[in-house]
Amino acid sequence: MNYEHIITIEADKRGGKPCIRGLRITVYDVLDYLAGGMTEQEILADFPDLTAEDLKACLAFAADRERRLYRTHAA
């Protein structure tokens, strides 16, 4: 998934953490909600500015980060 148009990083927003479409909702927030047991439907109901594509972009972003981290440590 190409998430570059969805996941944004701005130095002056949320301390430069990756956010969703310039909103103040971070990738970490979404991952934490999912890890805590919230369903996609619950997250979308609580945060009407988010879309299902936004949530998939968070997962793709996290997977890419994990992949890059593994490559760095495996080399």
N, C-alpha and C. Protein backbone atom coordinates (compact mmCIF):
# COMPACT_ATOMS: atom_id res chain seq x y z
N MET A 1 0.85 -1.19 0.00
CA MET A 1 0.00 0.00 0.00
C MET A 1 0.88 1.24 0.00
N ASN A 2 0.53 2.19 -0.81
CA ASN A 2 1.24 3.47 -0.82
C ASN A 2 0.57 4.39 0.20
N TYR A 3 1.22 4.59 1.31
CA TYR A 3 0.63 5.39 2.39
C TYR A 3 1.24 6.79 2.47
N GLU A 4 2.13 7.13 1.56
CA GLU A 4 2.84 8.41 1.65
C GLU A 4 1.91 9.62 1.61
N HIS A 5 0.76 9.52 0.98
CA HIS A 5 -0.19 10.63 0.95
C HIS A 5 -1.08 10.65 2.18
N ILE A 6 -1.00 9.62 3.01
CA ILE A 6 -1.83 9.53 4.20
C ILE A 6 -1.03 9.80 5.47
N ILE A 7 0.13 9.18 5.60
CA ILE A 7 0.95 9.35 6.79
C ILE A 7 1.86 10.55 6.58
N THR A 8 1.73 11.53 7.46
CA THR A 8 2.50 12.77 7.34
C THR A 8 3.36 12.96 8.58
N ILE A 9 4.49 13.58 8.38
CA ILE A 9 5.38 13.91 9.50
C ILE A 9 5.69 15.40 9.41
N GLU A 10 5.26 16.12 10.43
CA GLU A 10 5.49 17.56 10.51
C GLU A 10 6.17 17.86 11.84
N ALA A 11 7.29 18.54 11.78
CA ALA A 11 8.07 18.81 12.98
C ALA A 11 7.27 19.53 14.07
N ASP A 12 6.34 20.39 13.67
CA ASP A 12 5.60 21.19 14.65
C ASP A 12 4.28 20.55 15.08
N LYS A 13 4.02 19.32 14.65
CA LYS A 13 2.78 18.65 15.02
C LYS A 13 3.10 17.35 15.76
N ARG A 14 2.60 17.24 16.98
CA ARG A 14 2.79 16.05 17.82
C ARG A 14 4.25 15.63 17.92
N GLY A 15 5.12 16.63 17.99
CA GLY A 15 6.54 16.37 18.18
C GLY A 15 7.21 15.66 17.01
N GLY A 16 6.65 15.81 15.82
CA GLY A 16 7.23 15.18 14.64
C GLY A 16 6.88 13.71 14.48
N LYS A 17 5.93 13.23 15.28
CA LYS A 17 5.50 11.83 15.15
C LYS A 17 4.68 11.66 13.87
N PRO A 18 4.72 10.48 13.28
CA PRO A 18 3.90 10.24 12.09
C PRO A 18 2.41 10.35 12.42
N CYS A 19 1.71 11.20 11.69
CA CYS A 19 0.28 11.43 11.89
C CYS A 19 -0.50 11.04 10.65
N ILE A 20 -1.79 11.03 10.79
CA ILE A 20 -2.67 10.68 9.69
C ILE A 20 -3.20 11.95 9.04
N ARG A 21 -2.85 12.13 7.77
CA ARG A 21 -3.31 13.24 6.94
C ARG A 21 -3.21 14.60 7.62
N GLY A 22 -2.17 14.82 8.37
CA GLY A 22 -1.97 16.11 9.02
C GLY A 22 -2.84 16.33 10.24
N LEU A 23 -3.65 15.35 10.59
CA LEU A 23 -4.47 15.44 11.80
C LEU A 23 -3.56 15.25 13.01
N ARG A 24 -4.10 15.42 14.18
CA ARG A 24 -3.30 15.23 15.39
C ARG A 24 -3.41 13.79 15.92
N ILE A 25 -3.87 12.88 15.09
CA ILE A 25 -3.97 11.47 15.44
C ILE A 25 -2.73 10.77 14.87
N THR A 26 -1.95 10.15 15.76
CA THR A 26 -0.70 9.54 15.32
C THR A 26 -0.90 8.07 14.93
N VAL A 27 0.05 7.58 14.18
CA VAL A 27 0.08 6.16 13.84
C VAL A 27 0.13 5.35 15.14
N TYR A 28 0.94 5.80 16.08
CA TYR A 28 1.05 5.11 17.37
C TYR A 28 -0.32 5.01 18.06
N ASP A 29 -1.10 6.11 18.02
CA ASP A 29 -2.42 6.09 18.65
C ASP A 29 -3.27 4.97 18.07
N VAL A 30 -3.31 4.90 16.74
CA VAL A 30 -4.14 3.89 16.07
C VAL A 30 -3.65 2.49 16.41
N LEU A 31 -2.34 2.28 16.36
CA LEU A 31 -1.80 0.95 16.68
C LEU A 31 -2.10 0.58 18.12
N ASP A 32 -2.02 1.55 19.01
CA ASP A 32 -2.30 1.31 20.42
C ASP A 32 -3.77 0.93 20.62
N TYR A 33 -4.68 1.60 19.92
CA TYR A 33 -6.10 1.26 20.02
C TYR A 33 -6.34 -0.16 19.52
N LEU A 34 -5.75 -0.50 18.39
CA LEU A 34 -5.91 -1.85 17.85
C LEU A 34 -5.32 -2.90 18.79
N ALA A 35 -4.13 -2.63 19.33
CA ALA A 35 -3.49 -3.56 20.26
C ALA A 35 -4.30 -3.71 21.54
N GLY A 36 -5.01 -2.65 21.91
CA GLY A 36 -5.83 -2.68 23.11
C GLY A 36 -7.16 -3.39 22.91
N GLY A 37 -7.42 -3.82 21.68
CA GLY A 37 -8.64 -4.59 21.44
C GLY A 37 -9.76 -3.85 20.74
N MET A 38 -9.56 -2.57 20.42
CA MET A 38 -10.60 -1.85 19.70
C MET A 38 -10.70 -2.41 18.28
N THR A 39 -11.90 -2.49 17.77
CA THR A 39 -12.10 -2.93 16.40
C THR A 39 -11.97 -1.73 15.47
N GLU A 40 -11.81 -2.02 14.19
CA GLU A 40 -11.75 -0.95 13.20
C GLU A 40 -13.02 -0.10 13.26
N GLN A 41 -14.16 -0.76 13.41
CA GLN A 41 -15.44 -0.04 13.47
C GLN A 41 -15.51 0.88 14.69
N GLU A 42 -14.99 0.42 15.83
CA GLU A 42 -14.99 1.25 17.04
C GLU A 42 -14.10 2.47 16.87
N ILE A 43 -12.94 2.29 16.27
CA ILE A 43 -12.02 3.42 16.05
C ILE A 43 -12.66 4.42 15.11
N LEU A 44 -13.24 3.94 14.03
CA LEU A 44 -13.87 4.85 13.06
C LEU A 44 -15.07 5.57 13.67
N ALA A 45 -15.79 4.92 14.57
CA ALA A 45 -16.92 5.57 15.25
C ALA A 45 -16.43 6.64 16.21
N ASP A 46 -15.32 6.38 16.91
CA ASP A 46 -14.77 7.34 17.88
C ASP A 46 -14.06 8.51 17.20
N PHE A 47 -13.53 8.26 16.00
CA PHE A 47 -12.77 9.28 15.28
C PHE A 47 -13.33 9.41 13.86
N PRO A 48 -14.42 10.17 13.71
CA PRO A 48 -15.09 10.24 12.41
C PRO A 48 -14.25 10.85 11.29
N ASP A 49 -13.15 11.50 11.62
CA ASP A 49 -12.26 12.06 10.59
C ASP A 49 -11.42 10.96 9.92
N LEU A 50 -11.35 9.79 10.54
CA LEU A 50 -10.55 8.70 10.01
C LEU A 50 -11.37 7.83 9.05
N THR A 51 -10.65 7.17 8.15
CA THR A 51 -11.27 6.23 7.21
C THR A 51 -10.62 4.87 7.37
N ALA A 52 -11.25 3.87 6.79
CA ALA A 52 -10.67 2.52 6.82
C ALA A 52 -9.31 2.53 6.12
N GLU A 53 -9.17 3.33 5.06
CA GLU A 53 -7.88 3.43 4.36
C GLU A 53 -6.81 4.02 5.28
N ASP A 54 -7.18 4.96 6.13
CA ASP A 54 -6.22 5.53 7.09
C ASP A 54 -5.68 4.43 8.02
N LEU A 55 -6.57 3.58 8.49
CA LEU A 55 -6.15 2.52 9.41
C LEU A 55 -5.23 1.53 8.70
N LYS A 56 -5.54 1.19 7.47
CA LYS A 56 -4.66 0.30 6.69
C LYS A 56 -3.31 0.95 6.45
N ALA A 57 -3.31 2.27 6.24
CA ALA A 57 -2.05 2.99 6.03
C ALA A 57 -1.19 2.92 7.29
N CYS A 58 -1.80 3.00 8.46
CA CYS A 58 -1.04 2.89 9.72
C CYS A 58 -0.39 1.53 9.82
N LEU A 59 -1.11 0.49 9.48
CA LEU A 59 -0.55 -0.87 9.54
C LEU A 59 0.57 -1.03 8.52
N ALA A 60 0.39 -0.50 7.32
CA ALA A 60 1.43 -0.60 6.29
C ALA A 60 2.67 0.18 6.70
N PHE A 61 2.49 1.35 7.29
CA PHE A 61 3.61 2.16 7.77
C PHE A 61 4.39 1.40 8.84
N ALA A 62 3.67 0.81 9.79
CA ALA A 62 4.32 0.06 10.87
C ALA A 62 5.05 -1.16 10.32
N ALA A 63 4.45 -1.84 9.36
CA ALA A 63 5.10 -3.01 8.76
C ALA A 63 6.38 -2.60 8.05
N ASP A 64 6.35 -1.49 7.33
CA ASP A 64 7.56 -1.01 6.65
C ASP A 64 8.65 -0.63 7.64
N ARG A 65 8.27 0.01 8.73
CA ARG A 65 9.26 0.36 9.76
C ARG A 65 9.89 -0.89 10.35
N GLU A 66 9.07 -1.87 10.63
CA GLU A 66 9.55 -3.13 11.20
C GLU A 66 10.49 -3.82 10.21
N ARG A 67 10.12 -3.81 8.94
CA ARG A 67 10.95 -4.43 7.90
C ARG A 67 12.30 -3.74 7.82
N ARG A 68 12.30 -2.41 7.86
CA ARG A 68 13.57 -1.66 7.80
C ARG A 68 14.41 -1.92 9.04
N LEU A 69 13.79 -2.02 10.20
CA LEU A 69 14.51 -2.31 11.43
C LEU A 69 15.15 -3.69 11.37
N TYR A 70 14.42 -4.66 10.87
CA TYR A 70 14.96 -6.02 10.73
C TYR A 70 16.15 -6.04 9.79
N ARG A 71 16.04 -5.35 8.66
CA ARG A 71 17.13 -5.32 7.70
C ARG A 71 18.39 -4.69 8.30
N THR A 72 18.18 -3.65 9.10
CA THR A 72 19.32 -2.96 9.72
C THR A 72 20.03 -3.90 10.70
N HIS A 73 19.27 -4.63 11.48
CA HIS A 73 19.86 -5.51 12.50
C HIS A 73 20.37 -6.83 11.92
N ALA A 74 19.80 -7.25 10.80
CA ALA A 74 20.19 -8.52 10.19
C ALA A 74 21.46 -8.38 9.36
N ALA A 75 21.75 -7.16 8.96
CA ALA A 75 22.91 -6.96 8.07
C ALA A 75 24.23 -7.00 8.84
